[in-house]
C-alpha atoms as a PDB file:
ATOM      1  CA  MET A   1       1.892  -6.070  -2.274  1.00  0.00           C
ATOM      2  CA  TYR A   2       5.259  -5.350  -1.019  1.00  0.00           C
ATOM      3  CA  ASP A   3       6.639  -8.524  -2.974  1.00  0.00           C
ATOM      4  CA  TRP A   4      10.125  -6.751  -3.744  1.00  0.00           C
ATOM      5  CA  PRO A   5      12.859  -8.959  -5.229  1.00  0.00           C
ATOM      6  CA  GLU A   6      15.546  -8.146  -2.003  1.00  0.00           C
ATOM      7  CA  ILE A   7      12.774  -9.857   0.482  1.00  0.00           C
ATOM      8  CA  ARG A   8      11.171 -12.592  -1.611  1.00  0.00           C
ATOM      9  CA  THR A   9      13.121 -15.408   0.177  1.00  0.00           C
ATOM     10  CA  ALA A  10      11.096 -14.033   3.412  1.00  0.00           C
ATOM     11  CA  THR A  11       7.776 -13.569   1.244  1.00  0.00           C
ATOM     12  CA  ASP A  12       7.936 -17.337  -0.032  1.00  0.00           C
ATOM     13  CA  ALA A  13       8.836 -18.387   3.817  1.00  0.00           C
ATOM     14  CA  LEU A  14       5.877 -16.516   5.367  1.00  0.00           C
ATOM     15  CA  TRP A  15       3.537 -18.261   2.261  1.00  0.00           C
ATOM     16  CA  THR A  16       5.124 -21.596   3.163  1.00  0.00           C
ATOM     17  CA  ALA A  17       4.313 -20.927   6.902  1.00  0.00           C
ATOM     18  CA  ILE A  18       0.801 -19.759   5.769  1.00  0.00           C
ATOM     19  CA  ALA A  19       0.014 -22.919   3.515  1.00  0.00           C
ATOM     20  CA  ASP A  20       1.346 -25.143   5.932  1.00  0.00           C
ATOM     21  CA  ALA A  21      -1.205 -23.768   8.636  1.00  0.00           C
ATOM     22  CA  LEU A  22      -3.985 -23.845   5.929  1.00  0.00           C
ATOM     23  CA  CYS A  23      -3.376 -27.594   5.120  1.00  0.00           C
ATOM     24  CA  ARG A  24      -2.841 -28.562   9.415  1.00  0.00           C
ATOM     25  CA  ALA A  25      -6.503 -26.798   9.566  1.00  0.00           C
ATOM     26  CA  GLY A  26      -8.376 -28.888   6.425  1.00  0.00           C
ATOM     27  CA  LEU A  27      -7.611 -26.308   3.783  1.00  0.00           C
ATOM     28  CA  ASP A  28      -5.898 -26.728   0.492  1.00  0.00           C
ATOM     29  CA  ALA A  29      -3.520 -24.146  -0.653  1.00  0.00           C
ATOM     30  CA  PRO A  30      -1.160 -24.246  -3.292  1.00  0.00           C
ATOM     31  CA  ASP A  31       2.423 -24.446  -2.380  1.00  0.00           C
ATOM     32  CA  ALA A  32       3.731 -21.290  -4.132  1.00  0.00           C
ATOM     33  CA  LEU A  33       2.398 -17.640  -4.497  1.00  0.00           C
ATOM     34  CA  ASP A  34       1.216 -17.003  -8.131  1.00  0.00           C
ATOM     35  CA  ARG A  35       3.303 -14.263  -9.231  1.00  0.00           C
ATOM     36  CA  ALA A  36       2.501 -13.795 -13.148  1.00  0.00           C
ATOM     37  CA  ARG A  37      -1.153 -12.351 -13.218  1.00  0.00           C
ATOM     38  CA  GLU A  38      -2.151  -8.700 -12.786  1.00  0.00           C
ATOM     39  CA  PRO A  39      -3.562  -7.870  -9.528  1.00  0.00           C
ATOM     40  CA  MET A  40      -6.860  -7.000 -10.373  1.00  0.00           C
ATOM     41  CA  GLN A  41      -7.200 -10.181 -12.250  1.00  0.00           C
ATOM     42  CA  VAL A  42      -6.277 -11.863  -9.224  1.00  0.00           C
ATOM     43  CA  TRP A  43      -8.248  -9.829  -6.885  1.00  0.00           C
ATOM     44  CA  ARG A  44     -11.483 -10.736  -8.783  1.00  0.00           C
ATOM     45  CA  ASP A  45     -10.744 -14.338  -8.924  1.00  0.00           C
ATOM     46  CA  PRO A  46     -14.176 -16.092  -7.930  1.00  0.00           C
ATOM     47  CA  GLN A  47     -11.192 -19.025  -6.961  1.00  0.00           C
ATOM     48  CA  LEU A  48      -9.129 -16.318  -4.935  1.00  0.00           C
ATOM     49  CA  LEU A  49      -8.022 -18.053  -1.510  1.00  0.00           C
ATOM     50  CA  LEU A  50      -5.811 -15.309  -0.240  1.00  0.00           C
ATOM     51  CA  ALA A  51      -4.116 -12.181  -1.584  1.00  0.00           C
ATOM     52  CA  GLN A  52      -3.383  -8.951  -0.428  1.00  0.00           C
ATOM     53  CA  THR A  53      -4.953  -5.760  -1.889  1.00  0.00           C
ATOM     54  CA  CYS A  54      -4.639  -1.860  -1.184  1.00  0.00           C
ATOM     55  CA  GLY A  55      -7.769   0.152   0.541  1.00  0.00           C
ATOM     56  CA  LEU A  56      -8.817   2.014  -2.659  1.00  0.00           C
ATOM     57  CA  PRO A  57      -9.516  -0.662  -5.235  1.00  0.00           C
ATOM     58  CA  LEU A  58     -11.015  -2.447  -2.312  1.00  0.00           C
ATOM     59  CA  SER A  59     -13.536   0.148  -1.557  1.00  0.00           C
ATOM     60  CA  ARG A  60     -14.140   1.162  -5.097  1.00  0.00           C
ATOM     61  CA  HIS A  61     -14.188  -2.366  -6.840  1.00  0.00           C
ATOM     62  CA  LEU A  62     -14.033  -5.004  -4.701  1.00  0.00           C
ATOM     63  CA  MET A  63     -16.284  -4.945  -1.944  1.00  0.00           C
ATOM     64  CA  ASP A  64     -18.913  -7.325  -3.427  1.00  0.00           C
ATOM     65  CA  GLN A  65     -16.645  -9.674  -4.242  1.00  0.00           C
ATOM     66  CA  VAL A  66     -14.540 -10.373  -1.653  1.00  0.00           C
ATOM     67  CA  ALA A  67     -14.140 -10.721   2.089  1.00  0.00           C
ATOM     68  CA  VAL A  68     -11.609  -9.071   4.576  1.00  0.00           C
ATOM     69  CA  VAL A  69      -9.351 -11.430   6.464  1.00  0.00           C
ATOM     70  CA  GLY A  70      -7.492  -8.777   8.089  1.00  0.00           C
ATOM     71  CA  VAL A  71      -4.645  -6.770   7.973  1.00  0.00           C
ATOM     72  CA  PRO A  72      -0.900  -7.352   8.432  1.00  0.00           C
ATOM     73  CA  ALA A  73       0.868  -5.068  11.365  1.00  0.00           C
ATOM     74  CA  TYR A  74       3.787  -3.450  10.075  1.00  0.00           C
ATOM     75  CA  ARG A  75       6.730  -1.839  12.321  1.00  0.00           C
ATOM     76  CA  LEU A  76       6.333   1.419  11.309  1.00  0.00           C
ATOM     77  CA  PRO A  77       8.046   4.386  12.870  1.00  0.00           C
ATOM     78  CA  GLY A  78       5.337   6.432  14.945  1.00  0.00           C
ATOM     79  CA  VAL A  79       2.527   4.451  13.253  1.00  0.00           C
ATOM     80  CA  VAL A  80      -0.238   2.467  15.096  1.00  0.00           C
ATOM     81  CA  PRO A  81       0.053  -1.385  14.502  1.00  0.00           C
ATOM     82  CA  GLY A  82      -2.500  -2.193  11.967  1.00  0.00           C
ATOM     83  CA  ASN A  83      -2.385   1.049  10.255  1.00  0.00           C
ATOM     84  CA  TYR A  84      -0.122   2.807   7.640  1.00  0.00           C
ATOM     85  CA  CYS A  85      -0.011   6.115   6.177  1.00  0.00           C
ATOM     86  CA  SER A  86       2.042   7.529   3.081  1.00  0.00           C
ATOM     87  CA  ARG A  87       4.990   9.394   3.388  1.00  0.00           C
ATOM     88  CA  ILE A  88       5.212  12.637   0.932  1.00  0.00           C
ATOM     89  CA  VAL A  89       9.133  12.952  -0.677  1.00  0.00           C
ATOM     90  CA  ALA A  90      10.864  15.070  -2.339  1.00  0.00           C
ATOM     91  CA  ARG A  91      14.658  15.277  -3.236  1.00  0.00           C
ATOM     92  CA  ARG A  92      16.892  16.236  -0.595  1.00  0.00           C
ATOM     93  CA  ASP A  93      18.359  19.406  -2.699  1.00  0.00           C
ATOM     94  CA  ASP A  94      15.032  20.694  -3.471  1.00  0.00           C
ATOM     95  CA  ALA A  95      14.976  24.019  -1.458  1.00  0.00           C
ATOM     96  CA  ARG A  96      10.815  23.607  -0.838  1.00  0.00           C
ATOM     97  CA  ALA A  97      10.315  22.700   2.591  1.00  0.00           C
ATOM     98  CA  ARG A  98       6.746  22.166   2.929  1.00  0.00           C
ATOM     99  CA  LEU A  99       3.780  20.721   0.269  1.00  0.00           C
ATOM    100  CA  GLY A 100       2.214  23.791   0.107  1.00  0.00           C
ATOM    101  CA  ALA A 101       5.215  25.315  -1.851  1.00  0.00           C
ATOM    102  CA  PHE A 102       5.130  22.543  -4.529  1.00  0.00           C
ATOM    103  CA  ARG A 103       2.193  24.089  -6.361  1.00  0.00           C
ATOM    104  CA  GLY A 104       3.008  23.791 -10.324  1.00  0.00           C
ATOM    105  CA  ALA A 105       5.226  20.887  -9.423  1.00  0.00           C
ATOM    106  CA  VAL A 106       5.171  17.133 -11.057  1.00  0.00           C
ATOM    107  CA  ALA A 107       3.944  14.270  -9.024  1.00  0.00           C
ATOM    108  CA  ALA A 108       4.903  10.890  -9.287  1.00  0.00           C
ATOM    109  CA  VAL A 109       1.885   8.625  -8.747  1.00  0.00           C
ATOM    110  CA  ASN A 110       2.023   4.865  -8.731  1.00  0.00           C
ATOM    111  CA  MET A 111      -1.509   4.367  -9.988  1.00  0.00           C
ATOM    112  CA  PRO A 112      -4.719   5.806 -10.541  1.00  0.00           C
ATOM    113  CA  VAL A 113      -6.424   3.529  -8.368  1.00  0.00           C
ATOM    114  CA  SER A 114      -3.811   3.789  -5.276  1.00  0.00           C
ATOM    115  CA  GLN A 115      -4.776   4.942  -1.502  1.00  0.00           C
ATOM    116  CA  SER A 116      -0.881   5.504  -0.558  1.00  0.00           C
ATOM    117  CA  GLY A 117      -0.096   6.991  -3.865  1.00  0.00           C
ATOM    118  CA  LEU A 118      -2.929   9.000  -5.155  1.00  0.00           C
ATOM    119  CA  ALA A 119      -5.911   9.126  -2.710  1.00  0.00           C
ATOM    120  CA  ALA A 120      -3.586   9.962   0.267  1.00  0.00           C
ATOM    121  CA  LEU A 121      -1.674  12.906  -1.978  1.00  0.00           C
ATOM    122  CA  ALA A 122      -5.052  14.141  -3.122  1.00  0.00           C
ATOM    123  CA  CYS A 123      -6.405  14.715   0.395  1.00  0.00           C
ATOM    124  CA  ALA A 124      -3.097  16.293   1.260  1.00  0.00           C
ATOM    125  CA  VAL A 125      -3.165  18.892  -1.090  1.00  0.00           C
ATOM    126  CA  ALA A 126      -6.908  19.411  -1.579  1.00  0.00           C
ATOM    127  CA  PRO A 127      -6.850  21.915   1.170  1.00  0.00           C
ATOM    128  CA  LEU A 128      -4.299  23.872  -0.756  1.00  0.00           C
ATOM    129  CA  CYS A 129      -6.015  24.444  -4.301  1.00  0.00           C
ATOM    130  CA  HIS A 130      -6.664  27.111  -6.066  1.00  0.00           C
ATOM    131  CA  ALA A 131      -8.491  27.878  -9.465  1.00  0.00           C
ATOM    132  CA  THR A 132      -5.423  25.783 -11.401  1.00  0.00           C
ATOM    133  CA  PRO A 133      -4.459  22.726 -10.794  1.00  0.00           C
ATOM    134  CA  PHE A 134      -1.820  22.235  -7.515  1.00  0.00           C
ATOM    135  CA  PHE A 135      -0.027  19.990  -9.994  1.00  0.00           C
ATOM    136  CA  ALA A 136       1.177  20.772 -12.978  1.00  0.00           C
ATOM    137  CA  ALA A 137       1.721  17.362 -14.257  1.00  0.00           C
ATOM    138  CA  VAL A 138       1.356  13.515 -12.698  1.00  0.00           C
ATOM    139  CA  GLN A 139       3.901  11.187 -14.085  1.00  0.00           C
ATOM    140  CA  TRP A 140       2.453   7.341 -13.532  1.00  0.00           C
ATOM    141  CA  THR A 141       5.016   4.857 -12.714  1.00  0.00           C
ATOM    142  CA  GLY A 142       3.392   2.030 -11.980  1.00  0.00           C
ATOM    143  CA  ALA A 143       4.861   1.305  -8.733  1.00  0.00           C
ATOM    144  CA  HIS A 144       6.053   3.227  -5.532  1.00  0.00           C
ATOM    145  CA  ARG A 145       9.821   1.921  -5.951  1.00  0.00           C
ATOM    146  CA  ALA A 146       9.400   3.514  -9.252  1.00  0.00           C
ATOM    147  CA  SER A 147       7.971   7.160  -7.564  1.00  0.00           C
ATOM    148  CA  VAL A 148      11.059   6.748  -5.629  1.00  0.00           C
ATOM    149  CA  ARG A 149      13.356   6.731  -8.423  1.00  0.00           C
ATOM    150  CA  ALA A 150      11.385   9.413 -10.842  1.00  0.00           C
ATOM    151  CA  VAL A 151      11.695  11.869  -7.970  1.00  0.00           C
ATOM    152  CA  ALA A 152      15.062  11.168  -6.959  1.00  0.00           C
ATOM    153  CA  GLN A 153      16.056  11.515 -11.038  1.00  0.00           C
ATOM    154  CA  GLY A 154      14.287  14.798 -11.622  1.00  0.00           C
ATOM    155  CA  ASP A 155      11.517  13.390 -13.466  1.00  0.00           C
ATOM    156  CA  ALA A 156       8.801  14.154 -10.545  1.00  0.00           C
ATOM    157  CA  ASP A 157       9.566  16.749  -7.947  1.00  0.00           C
ATOM    158  CA  VAL A 158       7.251  14.911  -5.288  1.00  0.00           C
ATOM    159  CA  ALA A 159       5.166  11.635  -4.322  1.00  0.00           C
ATOM    160  CA  ALA A 160       3.096   9.779  -1.884  1.00  0.00           C
ATOM    161  CA  ILE A 161       4.976   6.730  -0.988  1.00  0.00           C
ATOM    162  CA  ASP A 162       3.477   4.024   1.325  1.00  0.00           C
ATOM    163  CA  ALA A 163       4.978   3.718   4.625  1.00  0.00           C
ATOM    164  CA  VAL A 164       6.115   0.166   3.940  1.00  0.00           C
ATOM    165  CA  SER A 165       7.230   1.134   0.822  1.00  0.00           C
ATOM    166  CA  TRP A 166       9.376   3.995   2.178  1.00  0.00           C
ATOM    167  CA  GLU A 167      10.733   1.946   4.813  1.00  0.00           C
ATOM    168  CA  LEU A 168      11.928  -0.756   2.478  1.00  0.00           C
ATOM    169  CA  ALA A 169      13.191   1.726  -0.171  1.00  0.00           C
ATOM    170  CA  LEU A 170      15.617   3.081   2.814  1.00  0.00           C
ATOM    171  CA  ARG A 171      16.830  -0.336   2.973  1.00  0.00           C
ATOM    172  CA  HIS A 172      17.159  -1.619  -0.629  1.00  0.00           C
ATOM    173  CA  GLU A 173      16.679   1.772  -3.314  1.00  0.00           C
ATOM    174  CA  PRO A 174      19.620   3.824  -3.521  1.00  0.00           C
ATOM    175  CA  ALA A 175      17.818   6.393  -4.608  1.00  0.00           C
ATOM    176  CA  ALA A 176      15.774   7.221  -1.746  1.00  0.00           C
ATOM    177  CA  LEU A 177      19.163   8.552  -0.377  1.00  0.00           C
ATOM    178  CA  ALA A 178      18.396  11.276  -2.600  1.00  0.00           C
ATOM    179  CA  LEU A 179      15.024  11.884  -0.936  1.00  0.00           C
ATOM    180  CA  ARG A 180      13.829  13.414   2.354  1.00  0.00           C
ATOM    181  CA  VAL A 181      10.293  13.271   3.839  1.00  0.00           C
ATOM    182  CA  ILE A 182       8.200  16.703   3.663  1.00  0.00           C
ATOM    183  CA  ALA A 183       5.174  15.313   5.470  1.00  0.00           C
ATOM    184  CA  SER A 184       3.213  12.493   6.711  1.00  0.00           C
ATOM    185  CA  THR A 185      -0.172  11.487   6.021  1.00  0.00           C
ATOM    186  CA  PRO A 186      -2.668  10.601   8.640  1.00  0.00           C
ATOM    187  CA  GLN A 187      -2.829   7.051   9.542  1.00  0.00           C
ATOM    188  CA  THR A 188      -5.517   4.706   7.958  1.00  0.00           C
ATOM    189  CA  PRO A 189      -5.908   0.832   7.903  1.00  0.00           C
ATOM    190  CA  GLY A 190      -3.223  -0.696   6.336  1.00  0.00           C
ATOM    191  CA  LEU A 191      -3.515  -2.910   3.353  1.00  0.00           C
ATOM    192  CA  PRO A 192      -5.879  -5.939   3.892  1.00  0.00           C
ATOM    193  CA  LEU A 193      -5.671  -9.708   3.073  1.00  0.00           C
ATOM    194  CA  ILE A 194      -8.799 -10.709   1.054  1.00  0.00           C
ATOM    195  CA  THR A 195     -10.788 -13.784  -0.180  1.00  0.00           C
ATOM    196  CA  ALA A 196     -13.083 -15.020  -2.052  1.00  0.00           C
ATOM    197  CA  ARG A 197     -13.876 -17.958   0.148  1.00  0.00           C
ATOM    198  CA  ARG A 198     -16.295 -16.370   2.744  1.00  0.00           C
ATOM    199  CA  ASP A 199     -16.693 -19.390   4.082  1.00  0.00           C
ATOM    200  CA  ALA A 200     -12.978 -19.918   5.146  1.00  0.00           C
ATOM    201  CA  CYS A 201     -12.217 -16.205   6.933  1.00  0.00           C
ATOM    202  CA  GLY A 202     -11.711 -17.721  10.380  1.00  0.00           C
ATOM    203  CA  THR A 203      -9.465 -20.312   8.936  1.00  0.00           C
ATOM    204  CA  LEU A 204      -7.471 -18.217   7.120  1.00  0.00           C
ATOM    205  CA  ALA A 205      -7.065 -15.317   9.602  1.00  0.00           C
ATOM    206  CA  ALA A 206      -5.828 -18.270  12.423  1.00  0.00           C
ATOM    207  CA  ALA A 207      -3.538 -18.923   9.488  1.00  0.00           C
ATOM    208  CA  VAL A 208      -2.090 -15.922   8.898  1.00  0.00           C
ATOM    209  CA  SER A 209      -1.421 -15.014  12.272  1.00  0.00           C
ATOM    210  CA  ASP A 210      -0.093 -18.357  13.294  1.00  0.00           C
ATOM    211  CA  ALA A 211       2.359 -18.298  10.154  1.00  0.00           C
ATOM    212  CA  ILE A 212       3.608 -14.643  11.071  1.00  0.00           C
ATOM    213  CA  ASP A 213       4.202 -16.044  14.732  1.00  0.00           C
ATOM    214  CA  SER A 214       5.989 -18.695  13.359  1.00  0.00           C
ATOM    215  CA  LEU A 215       8.024 -16.634  11.328  1.00  0.00           C
ATOM    216  CA  SER A 216      11.732 -16.771  11.823  1.00  0.00           C
ATOM    217  CA  ALA A 217      13.066 -13.025  13.332  1.00  0.00           C
ATOM    218  CA  ASP A 218      15.131 -12.699  10.363  1.00  0.00           C
ATOM    219  CA  SER A 219      12.305 -13.049   8.174  1.00  0.00           C
ATOM    220  CA  ARG A 220      10.017 -11.156  10.124  1.00  0.00           C
ATOM    221  CA  SER A 221      12.755  -8.489  10.262  1.00  0.00           C
ATOM    222  CA  ALA A 222      12.928  -8.477   6.353  1.00  0.00           C
ATOM    223  CA  LEU A 223       9.093  -7.526   6.206  1.00  0.00           C
ATOM    224  CA  LEU A 224       8.606  -5.467   8.543  1.00  0.00           C
ATOM    225  CA  LEU A 225       6.356  -7.591  10.369  1.00  0.00           C
ATOM    226  CA  GLU A 226       5.352  -7.494  13.857  1.00  0.00           C
ATOM    227  CA  GLY A 227       1.530  -9.559  13.882  1.00  0.00           C
ATOM    228  CA  PHE A 228      -1.911  -9.604  12.470  1.00  0.00           C
ATOM    229  CA  CYS A 229      -5.119  -7.765  12.975  1.00  0.00           C
ATOM    230  CA  ALA A 230      -8.309  -8.306  12.483  1.00  0.00           C
ATOM    231  CA  VAL A 231     -10.289  -5.790  11.077  1.00  0.00           C
ATOM    232  CA  PRO A 232     -13.969  -5.741   9.674  1.00  0.00           C
ATOM    233  CA  ALA A 233     -14.209  -4.533   5.976  1.00  0.00           C
ATOM    234  CA  SER A 234     -16.279  -1.806   7.157  1.00  0.00           C
ATOM    235  CA  VAL A 235     -13.224   0.069   8.008  1.00  0.00           C
ATOM    236  CA  TYR A 236     -12.521   0.572   4.362  1.00  0.00           C
ATOM    237  CA  ALA A 237     -16.109   1.417   3.183  1.00  0.00           C
ATOM    238  CA  ASP A 238     -15.164   5.361   2.877  1.00  0.00           C
ATOM    239  CA  PHE A 239     -11.827   4.993   1.518  1.00  0.00           C
ATOM    240  CA  ASP A 240     -13.397   5.592  -1.972  1.00  0.00           C
ATOM    241  CA  ARG A 241     -16.104   8.194  -0.557  1.00  0.00           C
ATOM    242  CA  ARG A 242     -13.182  10.334   1.262  1.00  0.00           C
ATOM    243  CA  CYS A 243     -10.963  10.243  -1.990  1.00  0.00           C
ATOM    244  CA  LEU A 244     -13.499  11.556  -4.382  1.00  0.00           C
ATOM    245  CA  ALA A 245     -14.463  13.999  -1.891  1.00  0.00           C
ATOM    246  CA  ALA A 246     -10.846  15.351  -1.803  1.00  0.00           C
ATOM    247  CA  LEU A 247     -10.622  15.253  -5.760  1.00  0.00           C
ATOM    248  CA  ARG A 248     -14.210  17.310  -5.909  1.00  0.00           C
ATOM    249  CA  ALA A 249     -13.090  19.656  -3.143  1.00  0.00           C
ATOM    250  CA  GLY A 250      -9.824  20.779  -5.085  1.00  0.00           C
ATOM    251  CA  ASN A 251      -8.570  21.258  -8.353  1.00  0.00           C
ATOM    252  CA  THR A 252      -5.760  18.880  -7.504  1.00  0.00           C
ATOM    253  CA  GLY A 253      -4.811  17.704 -10.948  1.00  0.00           C
ATOM    254  CA  LEU A 254      -5.063  14.051 -10.020  1.00  0.00           C
ATOM    255  CA  ASP A 255      -7.508  11.768 -10.777  1.00  0.00           C
ATOM    256  CA  ILE A 256      -8.678   8.521 -10.020  1.00  0.00           C
ATOM    257  CA  ALA A 257      -9.622   5.463 -12.163  1.00  0.00           C
END
């Protein structure tokens, strides 16, 4: 889910380490990651060995099809390992200092089934809503990095950016320098690794943990990784419920797929 071109070498190194660990455990694994297919197609593949998904599509669409292997722990300021949050960002030259001041603004949202880009933002603005929609319009961007650019370029005013994506943007996306964080959302469990091979969950979890531990310091730094957390699927079970509750409670101007 964080396969930015600038860190692709490190991502490939991680996969090679995972595949090697799986092979040592007697489980066949492909030599390279599949980057050609759409995420939902990958996540719903009955032959899926391992992929990373977002908590909202997991709770909304995938719970009966996949098992949760665990969560990579990322190095994020002020965030518990295994969790993440969203950084709500606006332009540095925008005088509005608080989220409540962005009533009537345009929100950049990566996609309509994103926990960090849509659900977290909806939960943040729901208590601020009145009779008219909080956001006047939504700019659908397709990716967090594109949302950063949309706000920086003035195509939108505010966006909720996955905290890992925000740290990567600060390193690799020049447009991020034009933005500032105006709020951080409450922490939730991070983006889980999933599999259709329920019988192999233990083997997969051990392989991922060993692979992260075996990475070079440079690769771990590039990927912001500091470990791996075993979490039950139940921690994601209410993502969909909470998102729908926020959307129903307030006239946010946002919608969910």
